[in-house]
Amino acid sequence: MSADSHPTLPPVRLHSDAELARDALGAPLFARAVRLARWAGPDTRVGVGGELATDQLPEAAALLGLDTADADSAGYASQAWRVAVDTGLVDVTEPEDDGGEGDEERFGTAAPGEDLALVTSGAPGDVLGLWLAALDTVLADAAVPDLDDLVDALDAGGEIDFDRLDWNPGREADFLDGVLANLYLLTVTEGGAADEPVPLPVLAASMVVPDDMGEPTDAVLEQVSDAMMRLDDQFRQLEPIGLVEFRPVDEELMAEADGPLEPEAASAASAGSAADDEDVSRYGMVRLTPLGLYGIRARMLEAGVDAPAVGELAEKGADALLDAVSFYSESAAQAEIEQWLAGRELPAAAAELLAAARGDDEGGPLRRLRCQQALAPAGPEAEPAVRSVLDDPELGGLARVWLAERGVSDVPAPDPEMVFWLTVDTIAAQLAADGETEELPLLMETLTAHHTGFFEQVWRVEHPATAYVLEAMGRLHPDKKTAKEARKAAFKARSRRPA
């Protein structure tokens, strides 16, 4: 899994290990691998690569409840056996090399592996470790061309002509990893797919169409169509391991096209311009399962990608919490903060949060905003800690707002310097959290309307973000005259700060 595509990702909400382990045990392919591991014994014969002997595949398929009259049943049994071997659920002893003498085919043996016991007696993490090993096997298989392509690529001597096949194992694995990373990102991003399935054309386009391309060319659309059909085959293979829920491309749709989908059809679906949701779903829909989210995140972490999960900061200090959630969406930050607070006594937790919110560095305003968010639901138990910072130049304004919201009557009025400092800090935090949103000009208009001579005073505020905030007000304030005043004030603020 490439670590370069998404170096930092939004936090994901994962199910508990116990729930995920149950999902893993219920995944059809993993369950089949477990059953074959329990079946393995003295009469089991394996070939040089540890594969199950061909004449034993029907028995294995029958054991798995597969229809042995179905030509694909042997392939399903073979895949389940391969997963069992690769995960250590089965131990194989390959046949000894007889030096090429004799025509009789030689076989090795198989027996249940030591790791099989983990399925029933191991911790949830042990089961998930086995499932991740199974996932590696399935992903490797999914990156291999289908049988028809392999047959077409055979040369006169019966060997695969890889140049003719145009298959590069590393490239194919990277492509599939990239697809899954994009699907993960679409799922965890605020306002993204979440529990909603993603249309297959959208996913294909995310891998093929350059970000800076306006109208895709016919050549690019053809690549999107080809990628769709590739993904259709790959997600069919990934669904049985429990990674995704997948609705394949409608076979009638392909029959109507008499072959691969027309590029124009793929383009319409990827742009969401099909007639309705039912039409889009005919092009294929995919969704990561909770187990799939866990699996892709685990692979990302192994590759060095920063892929946080909600709850992993629960044992960290308030400084680590505020630094991390400063870059989360508001809802994800709230979920993380709630878990952090759940294991702590509120008076001490409030004091720790306030201490961590201090600082005149660039991240200070956003830390204070998240601290305010963390203290918002707190009750009277937090009041002593909040009162203790009333005279703090960085936290005094925050403390007064918190107390005023609870109707406390004996809150000392802030001096003008604190009012203007809090104004700069608040706007700086909003800019850092959400950028230049549509709501920000209204906030700016409200703040300036309540203070006569606002810009004559605010440019003097000793806050590292003063000039930055005033420049933003000069761009965003809805009143042109006021915006001009803001730009003049920004120039003054910049002039008084040392170079």
Protein backbone atom coordinates (compact mmCIF):
# COMPACT_ATOMS: atom_id res chain seq x y z
CA MET A 1 0.00 0.00 0.00
CA SER A 2 1.60 3.24 -1.11
CA ALA A 3 2.40 5.73 1.63
CA ASP A 4 2.59 8.65 -0.76
CA SER A 5 -0.99 9.05 -1.97
CA HIS A 6 -2.63 10.26 1.25
CA PRO A 7 0.07 11.02 3.87
CA THR A 8 -2.54 12.17 6.40
CA LEU A 9 -6.12 10.96 6.47
CA PRO A 10 -9.24 11.87 8.45
CA PRO A 11 -9.86 9.64 11.49
CA VAL A 12 -11.94 6.53 10.99
CA ARG A 13 -14.50 5.19 13.42
CA LEU A 14 -13.81 1.48 13.87
CA HIS A 15 -15.92 -1.22 15.44
CA SER A 16 -14.48 -2.98 18.49
CA ASP A 17 -11.95 -5.76 17.95
CA ALA A 18 -14.51 -8.27 19.22
CA GLU A 19 -17.09 -7.16 16.63
CA LEU A 20 -14.49 -7.14 13.86
CA ALA A 21 -13.26 -10.61 14.82
CA ARG A 22 -16.83 -11.94 14.58
CA ASP A 23 -17.10 -10.35 11.14
CA ALA A 24 -13.80 -11.98 10.12
CA LEU A 25 -14.96 -15.43 11.24
CA GLY A 26 -18.18 -14.90 9.31
CA ALA A 27 -16.47 -13.91 6.06
CA PRO A 28 -17.32 -16.75 3.62
CA LEU A 29 -13.80 -17.31 2.28
CA PHE A 30 -12.15 -17.22 5.71
CA ALA A 31 -14.79 -19.58 7.12
CA ARG A 32 -14.10 -22.00 4.24
CA ALA A 33 -10.37 -21.87 4.95
CA VAL A 34 -11.03 -22.75 8.61
CA ARG A 35 -13.22 -25.72 7.64
CA LEU A 36 -10.59 -27.09 5.27
CA ALA A 37 -7.91 -26.67 7.95
CA ARG A 38 -9.98 -28.81 10.31
CA TRP A 39 -10.49 -31.38 7.54
CA ALA A 40 -6.78 -31.69 6.72
CA GLY A 41 -5.22 -34.95 7.91
CA PRO A 42 -3.20 -38.03 7.03
CA ASP A 43 -5.11 -38.65 3.79
CA THR A 44 -4.66 -35.10 2.50
CA ARG A 45 -2.26 -34.84 -0.42
CA VAL A 46 -0.54 -31.68 -1.63
CA GLY A 47 1.65 -30.79 -4.59
CA VAL A 48 4.99 -29.00 -4.82
CA GLY A 49 3.51 -25.58 -4.09
CA GLY A 50 1.36 -26.84 -1.24
CA GLU A 51 -1.74 -26.88 -3.44
CA LEU A 52 -4.38 -29.50 -2.83
CA ALA A 53 -4.24 -32.55 -5.13
CA THR A 54 -6.64 -32.15 -8.05
CA ASP A 55 -8.56 -35.33 -7.32
CA GLN A 56 -9.26 -34.13 -3.76
CA LEU A 57 -10.81 -30.86 -4.82
CA PRO A 58 -14.32 -32.33 -5.35
CA GLU A 59 -14.26 -33.77 -1.81
CA ALA A 60 -13.12 -30.41 -0.44
CA ALA A 61 -15.83 -28.59 -2.41
CA ALA A 62 -18.49 -30.97 -1.08
CA LEU A 63 -17.24 -30.41 2.48
CA LEU A 64 -17.69 -26.68 1.95
CA GLY A 65 -21.25 -27.16 0.78
CA LEU A 66 -20.43 -26.10 -2.77
CA ASP A 67 -22.31 -27.50 -5.76
CA THR A 68 -19.81 -29.98 -7.19
CA ALA A 69 -21.69 -29.92 -10.49
CA ASP A 70 -20.66 -26.29 -10.83
CA ALA A 71 -17.42 -26.01 -12.81
CA ASP A 72 -16.27 -23.19 -10.51
CA SER A 73 -16.60 -25.19 -7.28
CA ALA A 74 -13.12 -26.70 -7.54
CA GLY A 75 -11.65 -23.23 -8.00
CA TYR A 76 -13.44 -21.94 -4.89
CA ALA A 77 -12.16 -24.92 -2.88
CA SER A 78 -8.64 -24.40 -4.19
CA GLN A 79 -8.72 -20.73 -3.22
CA ALA A 80 -9.94 -21.54 0.30
CA TRP A 81 -7.16 -24.11 0.67
CA ARG A 82 -4.57 -21.58 -0.48
CA VAL A 83 -5.83 -19.10 2.12
CA ALA A 84 -5.63 -21.79 4.81
CA VAL A 85 -2.02 -22.57 3.88
CA ASP A 86 -0.91 -18.94 3.57
CA THR A 87 -2.40 -17.97 6.95
CA GLY A 88 -0.85 -20.90 8.84
CA LEU A 89 -4.20 -22.56 9.48
CA VAL A 90 -2.72 -25.56 7.64
CA ASP A 91 0.84 -26.87 7.78
CA VAL A 92 2.03 -28.60 4.60
CA THR A 93 5.01 -30.81 3.94
CA GLU A 94 5.79 -30.63 0.25
CA PRO A 95 6.76 -33.79 -1.67
CA GLU A 96 10.43 -34.69 -1.66
CA ASP A 97 12.38 -34.21 -4.86
CA ASP A 98 13.07 -37.63 -6.35
CA GLY A 99 15.69 -36.28 -8.68
CA GLY A 100 13.42 -36.55 -11.68
CA GLU A 101 13.34 -40.37 -11.61
CA GLY A 102 10.07 -42.19 -12.30
CA ASP A 103 6.83 -41.01 -13.86
CA GLU A 104 4.67 -41.34 -10.76
CA GLU A 105 3.47 -38.02 -9.33
CA ARG A 106 4.64 -37.51 -5.78
CA PHE A 107 2.62 -35.80 -3.06
CA GLY A 108 3.28 -34.12 0.24
CA THR A 109 1.12 -34.10 3.34
CA ALA A 110 -0.94 -31.57 5.28
CA ALA A 111 -2.20 -31.20 8.83
CA PRO A 112 -3.98 -28.55 10.89
CA GLY A 113 -1.55 -25.76 11.79
CA GLU A 114 -0.85 -24.42 15.26
CA ASP A 115 -2.62 -21.17 14.38
CA LEU A 116 -5.91 -22.99 13.85
CA ALA A 117 -6.39 -23.04 17.63
CA LEU A 118 -6.45 -19.22 17.62
CA VAL A 119 -9.77 -19.31 15.79
CA THR A 120 -11.55 -20.61 18.89
CA SER A 121 -9.21 -19.84 21.78
CA GLY A 122 -7.31 -16.76 20.61
CA ALA A 123 -8.03 -13.14 21.45
CA PRO A 124 -9.91 -10.99 18.89
CA GLY A 125 -6.57 -9.51 17.83
CA ASP A 126 -5.27 -13.00 17.01
CA VAL A 127 -8.27 -13.70 14.77
CA LEU A 128 -7.83 -10.34 13.04
CA GLY A 129 -4.15 -11.12 12.47
CA LEU A 130 -5.13 -14.34 10.66
CA TRP A 131 -7.75 -12.47 8.65
CA LEU A 132 -5.21 -9.83 7.57
CA ALA A 133 -2.92 -12.60 6.32
CA ALA A 134 -5.87 -14.03 4.38
CA LEU A 135 -6.57 -10.58 2.95
CA ASP A 136 -2.99 -10.36 1.66
CA THR A 137 -3.50 -13.62 -0.22
CA VAL A 138 -6.78 -12.51 -1.75
CA LEU A 139 -5.39 -9.14 -2.80
CA ALA A 140 -2.44 -10.85 -4.47
CA ASP A 141 -4.85 -13.14 -6.35
CA ALA A 142 -7.05 -10.22 -7.38
CA ALA A 143 -4.08 -8.49 -9.01
CA VAL A 144 -3.50 -11.48 -11.32
CA PRO A 145 -5.13 -11.40 -14.81
CA ASP A 146 -8.14 -13.61 -15.30
CA LEU A 147 -7.81 -17.04 -16.88
CA ASP A 148 -9.02 -15.95 -20.31
CA ASP A 149 -6.28 -13.32 -20.52
CA LEU A 150 -3.68 -15.85 -19.45
CA VAL A 151 -4.82 -18.34 -22.10
CA ASP A 152 -4.73 -15.64 -24.77
CA ALA A 153 -1.15 -14.83 -23.77
CA LEU A 154 0.22 -18.38 -24.19
CA ASP A 155 2.95 -18.66 -26.79
CA ALA A 156 3.57 -21.60 -29.12
CA GLY A 157 5.46 -23.46 -26.42
CA GLY A 158 2.66 -23.14 -23.89
CA GLU A 159 4.50 -20.51 -21.83
CA ILE A 160 2.93 -17.18 -20.84
CA ASP A 161 4.18 -14.32 -22.98
CA PHE A 162 4.18 -11.53 -20.37
CA ASP A 163 4.97 -8.86 -22.97
CA ARG A 164 1.86 -9.86 -24.87
CA LEU A 165 -0.14 -10.01 -21.67
CA ASP A 166 0.99 -6.48 -20.70
CA TRP A 167 0.90 -7.46 -17.04
CA ASN A 168 3.27 -6.05 -14.49
CA PRO A 169 2.65 -7.59 -11.03
CA GLY A 170 3.96 -4.56 -9.13
CA ARG A 171 1.95 -2.14 -11.25
CA GLU A 172 -1.24 -4.17 -10.83
CA ALA A 173 -0.79 -4.43 -7.06
CA ASP A 174 -0.15 -0.68 -6.82
CA PHE A 175 -3.27 0.03 -8.88
CA LEU A 176 -5.46 -2.07 -6.60
CA ASP A 177 -3.89 -0.53 -3.51
CA GLY A 178 -4.57 2.92 -4.95
CA VAL A 179 -8.20 2.05 -5.63
CA LEU A 180 -8.70 0.80 -2.09
CA ALA A 181 -6.95 3.87 -0.66
CA ASN A 182 -9.29 6.13 -2.65
CA LEU A 183 -12.31 4.12 -1.52
CA TYR A 184 -11.11 4.43 2.08
CA LEU A 185 -10.63 8.19 1.69
CA LEU A 186 -14.10 8.61 0.18
CA THR A 187 -15.52 6.67 3.13
CA VAL A 188 -13.81 8.49 6.00
CA THR A 189 -13.83 12.05 4.65
CA GLU A 190 -16.45 14.31 6.19
CA GLY A 191 -19.33 14.51 3.74
CA GLY A 192 -17.92 11.52 1.84
CA ALA A 193 -19.42 8.12 1.18
CA ALA A 194 -19.51 6.93 4.82
CA ASP A 195 -22.10 4.12 4.77
CA GLU A 196 -23.17 4.87 1.21
CA PRO A 197 -21.81 2.75 -1.67
CA VAL A 198 -19.56 4.37 -4.25
CA PRO A 199 -20.37 3.99 -7.97
CA LEU A 200 -17.71 1.92 -9.71
CA PRO A 201 -17.20 4.52 -12.49
CA VAL A 202 -16.43 7.19 -9.87
CA LEU A 203 -13.77 4.96 -8.35
CA ALA A 204 -12.32 4.11 -11.76
CA ALA A 205 -12.24 7.77 -12.76
CA SER A 206 -10.41 8.65 -9.53
CA MET A 207 -7.54 6.45 -10.70
CA VAL A 208 -7.49 7.41 -14.37
CA VAL A 209 -8.65 11.00 -14.90
CA PRO A 210 -5.98 13.59 -13.99
CA ASP A 211 -7.08 16.09 -11.31
CA ASP A 212 -6.39 19.06 -13.57
CA MET A 213 -8.24 17.66 -16.59
CA GLY A 214 -11.42 19.44 -17.56
CA GLU A 215 -13.39 17.43 -20.11
CA PRO A 216 -11.88 13.91 -20.36
CA THR A 217 -10.66 12.90 -23.79
CA ASP A 218 -12.02 9.84 -25.58
CA ALA A 219 -8.79 8.02 -24.81
CA VAL A 220 -9.13 8.74 -21.09
CA LEU A 221 -12.80 7.71 -21.11
CA GLU A 222 -11.82 4.42 -22.69
CA GLN A 223 -9.31 3.92 -19.89
CA VAL A 224 -12.06 4.60 -17.34
CA SER A 225 -14.24 1.98 -19.02
CA ASP A 226 -11.40 -0.56 -19.00
CA ALA A 227 -10.62 0.19 -15.35
CA MET A 228 -14.29 -0.29 -14.44
CA MET A 229 -14.34 -3.77 -15.90
CA ARG A 230 -11.07 -4.61 -14.18
CA LEU A 231 -12.46 -3.45 -10.86
CA ASP A 232 -15.68 -5.36 -11.45
CA ASP A 233 -13.67 -8.58 -11.60
CA GLN A 234 -11.44 -7.65 -8.66
CA PHE A 235 -14.25 -6.66 -6.29
CA ARG A 236 -16.03 -9.94 -7.07
CA GLN A 237 -12.91 -11.63 -5.67
CA LEU A 238 -12.61 -9.32 -2.66
CA GLU A 239 -16.21 -9.60 -1.45
CA PRO A 240 -15.96 -13.19 -0.08
CA ILE A 241 -13.16 -12.23 2.33
CA GLY A 242 -15.45 -9.60 3.86
CA LEU A 243 -13.56 -6.53 2.62
CA VAL A 244 -16.40 -4.99 0.62
CA GLU A 245 -20.07 -5.19 -0.18
CA PHE A 246 -20.30 -5.17 -3.94
CA ARG A 247 -22.99 -4.90 -6.56
CA PRO A 248 -21.41 -5.99 -9.87
CA VAL A 249 -21.89 -4.31 -13.21
CA ASP A 250 -25.26 -5.35 -14.61
CA GLU A 251 -24.66 -8.18 -17.07
CA GLU A 252 -27.61 -7.01 -19.17
CA LEU A 253 -25.85 -3.67 -19.49
CA MET A 254 -22.80 -5.38 -20.92
CA ALA A 255 -24.98 -7.50 -23.18
CA GLU A 256 -26.67 -4.36 -24.50
CA ALA A 257 -23.20 -2.93 -25.23
CA ASP A 258 -22.23 -6.25 -26.87
CA GLY A 259 -18.85 -6.21 -25.09
CA PRO A 260 -17.00 -3.65 -22.99
CA LEU A 261 -19.01 -0.64 -21.89
CA GLU A 262 -18.94 2.34 -24.20
CA PRO A 263 -16.68 5.11 -22.87
CA GLU A 264 -19.54 7.60 -23.02
CA ALA A 265 -21.64 5.41 -20.74
CA ALA A 266 -18.82 5.13 -18.23
CA SER A 267 -18.34 8.89 -18.38
CA ALA A 268 -22.02 9.59 -17.67
CA ALA A 269 -22.02 7.24 -14.71
CA SER A 270 -18.75 8.57 -13.26
CA ALA A 271 -20.08 12.13 -13.49
CA GLY A 272 -23.31 11.10 -11.78
CA SER A 273 -25.34 12.18 -14.79
CA ALA A 274 -27.21 8.92 -15.27
CA ALA A 275 -30.99 9.24 -15.22
CA ASP A 276 -31.45 8.13 -11.60
CA ASP A 277 -29.88 6.17 -8.76
CA GLU A 278 -31.04 2.89 -10.26
CA ASP A 279 -29.26 3.68 -13.52
CA VAL A 280 -26.01 4.53 -11.71
CA SER A 281 -26.17 1.32 -9.68
CA ARG A 282 -26.23 -0.72 -12.88
CA TYR A 283 -22.62 0.31 -13.45
CA GLY A 284 -21.58 -1.32 -10.17
CA MET A 285 -21.54 -0.10 -6.57
CA VAL A 286 -18.99 -0.84 -3.84
CA ARG A 287 -18.74 -0.10 -0.14
CA LEU A 288 -16.05 -0.94 2.39
CA THR A 289 -17.43 -3.00 5.27
CA PRO A 290 -16.45 -2.15 8.87
CA LEU A 291 -14.00 -5.06 8.58
CA GLY A 292 -12.77 -3.62 5.29
CA LEU A 293 -12.11 -0.24 6.88
CA TYR A 294 -10.07 -1.99 9.56
CA GLY A 295 -8.15 -4.00 6.97
CA ILE A 296 -7.26 -1.12 4.66
CA ARG A 297 -6.24 1.05 7.61
CA ALA A 298 -3.98 -1.74 8.91
CA ARG A 299 -2.28 -1.96 5.52
CA MET A 300 -1.87 1.82 5.39
CA LEU A 301 -0.30 1.90 8.85
CA GLU A 302 2.11 -0.83 7.80
CA ALA A 303 3.10 1.31 4.81
CA GLY A 304 3.75 4.33 7.02
CA VAL A 305 0.58 6.28 6.21
CA ASP A 306 -0.86 8.39 9.01
CA ALA A 307 -4.35 6.89 9.29
CA PRO A 308 -5.78 7.83 12.70
CA ALA A 309 -8.74 6.15 14.36
CA VAL A 310 -11.20 7.76 16.73
CA GLY A 311 -10.41 6.69 20.29
CA GLU A 312 -6.69 6.07 19.95
CA LEU A 313 -5.92 9.30 21.84
CA ALA A 314 -7.91 8.29 24.92
CA GLU A 315 -4.77 7.48 26.94
CA LYS A 316 -2.75 10.46 25.67
CA GLY A 317 -2.33 13.82 27.40
CA ALA A 318 -4.45 16.87 26.64
CA ASP A 319 -1.61 18.43 24.64
CA ALA A 320 -1.54 15.45 22.25
CA LEU A 321 -5.34 15.45 22.07
CA LEU A 322 -5.70 19.13 21.13
CA ASP A 323 -2.82 19.00 18.66
CA ALA A 324 -4.40 16.03 16.87
CA VAL A 325 -8.06 17.07 16.86
CA SER A 326 -7.13 20.53 15.62
CA PHE A 327 -6.94 18.94 12.18
CA TYR A 328 -10.09 16.82 12.51
CA SER A 329 -13.54 17.79 11.32
CA GLU A 330 -15.76 19.16 14.06
CA SER A 331 -17.77 15.95 14.43
CA ALA A 332 -14.67 13.72 14.47
CA ALA A 333 -13.01 16.06 16.99
CA GLN A 334 -16.09 15.89 19.19
CA ALA A 335 -16.13 12.08 19.09
CA GLU A 336 -12.43 11.91 20.02
CA ILE A 337 -12.83 14.47 22.82
CA GLU A 338 -15.80 12.58 24.29
CA GLN A 339 -13.78 9.36 24.47
CA TRP A 340 -10.86 11.24 26.05
CA LEU A 341 -13.09 12.78 28.71
CA ALA A 342 -14.90 9.52 29.45
CA GLY A 343 -11.98 8.06 31.39
CA ARG A 344 -11.11 11.13 33.45
CA GLU A 345 -12.31 13.14 36.43
CA LEU A 346 -13.77 16.32 34.97
CA PRO A 347 -12.10 18.94 37.24
CA ALA A 348 -8.61 17.60 36.49
CA ALA A 349 -9.42 17.06 32.81
CA ALA A 350 -10.67 20.65 32.44
CA ALA A 351 -7.50 22.02 34.03
CA GLU A 352 -5.33 19.86 31.76
CA LEU A 353 -7.21 20.99 28.65
CA LEU A 354 -6.88 24.66 29.55
CA ALA A 355 -3.16 24.30 30.19
CA ALA A 356 -2.69 22.57 26.84
CA ALA A 357 -4.62 25.33 25.05
CA ARG A 358 -2.04 27.99 25.87
CA GLY A 359 0.57 29.12 23.38
CA ASP A 360 1.36 31.90 20.92
CA ASP A 361 2.40 29.49 18.15
CA GLU A 362 0.52 29.17 14.86
CA GLY A 363 -1.60 26.29 16.15
CA GLY A 364 -2.65 28.09 19.34
CA PRO A 365 -5.96 29.58 18.12
CA LEU A 366 -7.22 26.23 16.84
CA ARG A 367 -6.17 24.46 20.07
CA ARG A 368 -8.20 26.98 22.04
CA LEU A 369 -11.19 26.48 19.75
CA ARG A 370 -11.04 22.70 20.32
CA CYS A 371 -10.57 23.28 24.04
CA GLN A 372 -13.72 25.43 24.04
CA GLN A 373 -15.48 22.63 22.15
CA ALA A 374 -14.30 20.09 24.72
CA LEU A 375 -15.51 22.18 27.66
CA ALA A 376 -18.85 23.13 26.06
CA PRO A 377 -20.83 20.18 27.54
CA ALA A 378 -19.03 20.32 30.90
CA GLY A 379 -21.07 21.08 33.99
CA PRO A 380 -20.37 22.83 37.32
CA GLU A 381 -17.48 20.44 38.10
CA ALA A 382 -15.35 22.29 35.53
CA GLU A 383 -16.09 25.76 36.93
CA PRO A 384 -13.14 25.98 39.40
CA ALA A 385 -10.64 25.19 36.63
CA VAL A 386 -12.27 27.71 34.29
CA ARG A 387 -12.34 30.44 36.96
CA SER A 388 -8.65 29.90 37.65
CA VAL A 389 -7.73 31.26 34.19
CA LEU A 390 -9.91 34.40 34.24
CA ASP A 391 -6.80 36.60 34.46
CA ASP A 392 -4.84 34.64 31.88
CA PRO A 393 -4.31 36.86 28.78
CA GLU A 394 -4.79 33.91 26.39
CA LEU A 395 -7.57 32.02 28.19
CA GLY A 396 -9.41 34.76 30.08
CA GLY A 397 -11.76 35.53 27.20
CA LEU A 398 -12.58 31.86 26.68
CA ALA A 399 -13.27 31.48 30.40
CA ARG A 400 -15.64 34.45 30.45
CA VAL A 401 -17.59 33.12 27.47
CA TRP A 402 -17.94 29.71 29.15
CA LEU A 403 -19.15 31.19 32.42
CA ALA A 404 -21.52 33.66 30.73
CA GLU A 405 -23.14 30.84 28.75
CA ARG A 406 -24.02 29.19 32.07
CA GLY A 407 -25.59 32.33 33.48
CA VAL A 408 -22.92 32.95 36.11
CA SER A 409 -23.49 36.50 37.43
CA ASP A 410 -20.21 37.42 39.09
CA VAL A 411 -18.00 37.23 36.00
CA PRO A 412 -15.65 40.26 35.84
CA ALA A 413 -15.95 42.30 32.67
CA PRO A 414 -13.00 41.90 30.29
CA ASP A 415 -10.77 44.86 29.54
CA PRO A 416 -10.77 46.14 25.92
CA GLU A 417 -7.38 44.57 25.21
CA MET A 418 -8.74 41.10 26.09
CA VAL A 419 -11.86 41.67 23.95
CA PHE A 420 -9.86 42.49 20.85
CA TRP A 421 -7.33 39.73 21.50
CA LEU A 422 -10.18 37.20 21.74
CA THR A 423 -11.67 38.54 18.51
CA VAL A 424 -8.42 38.02 16.62
CA ASP A 425 -7.94 34.58 18.18
CA THR A 426 -11.49 33.50 17.30
CA ILE A 427 -11.24 34.51 13.64
CA ALA A 428 -7.76 32.97 13.35
CA ALA A 429 -9.14 29.71 14.72
CA GLN A 430 -12.08 29.70 12.30
CA LEU A 431 -9.76 30.34 9.36
CA ALA A 432 -7.48 27.50 10.46
CA ALA A 433 -10.37 25.09 11.03
CA ASP A 434 -12.53 25.68 7.97
CA GLY A 435 -10.83 28.23 5.74
CA GLU A 436 -12.74 31.11 4.20
CA THR A 437 -16.28 29.80 4.64
CA GLU A 438 -19.52 31.54 3.67
CA GLU A 439 -20.33 32.09 7.36
CA LEU A 440 -17.09 33.90 8.16
CA PRO A 441 -18.00 37.27 6.56
CA LEU A 442 -21.16 37.36 8.68
CA LEU A 443 -19.10 36.74 11.82
CA MET A 444 -16.71 39.53 10.83
CA GLU A 445 -19.59 41.91 10.16
CA THR A 446 -21.11 41.14 13.57
CA LEU A 447 -17.83 41.70 15.41
CA THR A 448 -17.03 45.01 13.73
CA ALA A 449 -20.58 46.32 14.16
CA HIS A 450 -20.36 45.95 17.94
CA HIS A 451 -17.18 47.96 18.38
CA THR A 452 -16.78 51.64 17.49
CA GLY A 453 -13.35 52.33 16.02
CA PHE A 454 -12.70 48.59 15.76
CA PHE A 455 -9.81 48.78 13.27
CA GLU A 456 -8.12 51.69 15.01
CA GLN A 457 -7.72 49.49 18.05
CA VAL A 458 -7.41 45.96 16.73
CA TRP A 459 -4.22 46.47 14.71
CA ARG A 460 -2.40 47.15 17.98
CA VAL A 461 -3.33 43.75 19.47
CA GLU A 462 -0.28 41.70 20.52
CA HIS A 463 -1.37 38.48 18.81
CA PRO A 464 0.81 36.66 16.24
CA ALA A 465 -2.15 36.36 13.87
CA THR A 466 -3.33 40.00 13.99
CA ALA A 467 -2.07 41.02 10.54
CA TYR A 468 -3.20 37.71 9.01
CA VAL A 469 -6.72 38.11 10.40
CA LEU A 470 -6.99 41.73 9.25
CA GLU A 471 -5.88 40.77 5.74
CA ALA A 472 -8.59 38.11 5.69
CA MET A 473 -11.16 40.68 6.82
CA GLY A 474 -9.99 42.96 4.01
CA ARG A 475 -10.82 40.20 1.54
CA LEU A 476 -14.00 38.86 3.07
CA HIS A 477 -15.86 41.63 4.88
CA PRO A 478 -19.16 42.23 3.01
CA ASP A 479 -18.99 46.03 3.42
CA LYS A 480 -16.50 47.53 0.95
CA LYS A 481 -15.69 50.56 3.13
CA THR A 482 -15.05 48.37 6.16
CA ALA A 483 -12.96 45.97 4.07
CA LYS A 484 -10.78 48.89 3.02
CA GLU A 485 -10.32 49.90 6.65
CA ALA A 486 -9.29 46.32 7.43
CA ARG A 487 -6.61 46.37 4.72
CA LYS A 488 -5.20 49.65 6.10
CA ALA A 489 -5.16 48.18 9.59
CA ALA A 490 -3.40 45.06 8.31
CA PHE A 491 -0.67 47.25 6.80
CA LYS A 492 -0.20 49.01 10.14
CA ALA A 493 -0.05 45.68 11.98
CA ARG A 494 2.57 44.35 9.60
CA SER A 495 4.61 47.57 9.87
CA ARG A 496 4.83 47.44 13.66
CA ARG A 497 5.98 43.81 13.87
CA PRO A 498 9.74 43.19 13.64
CA ALA A 499 10.91 41.62 10.38
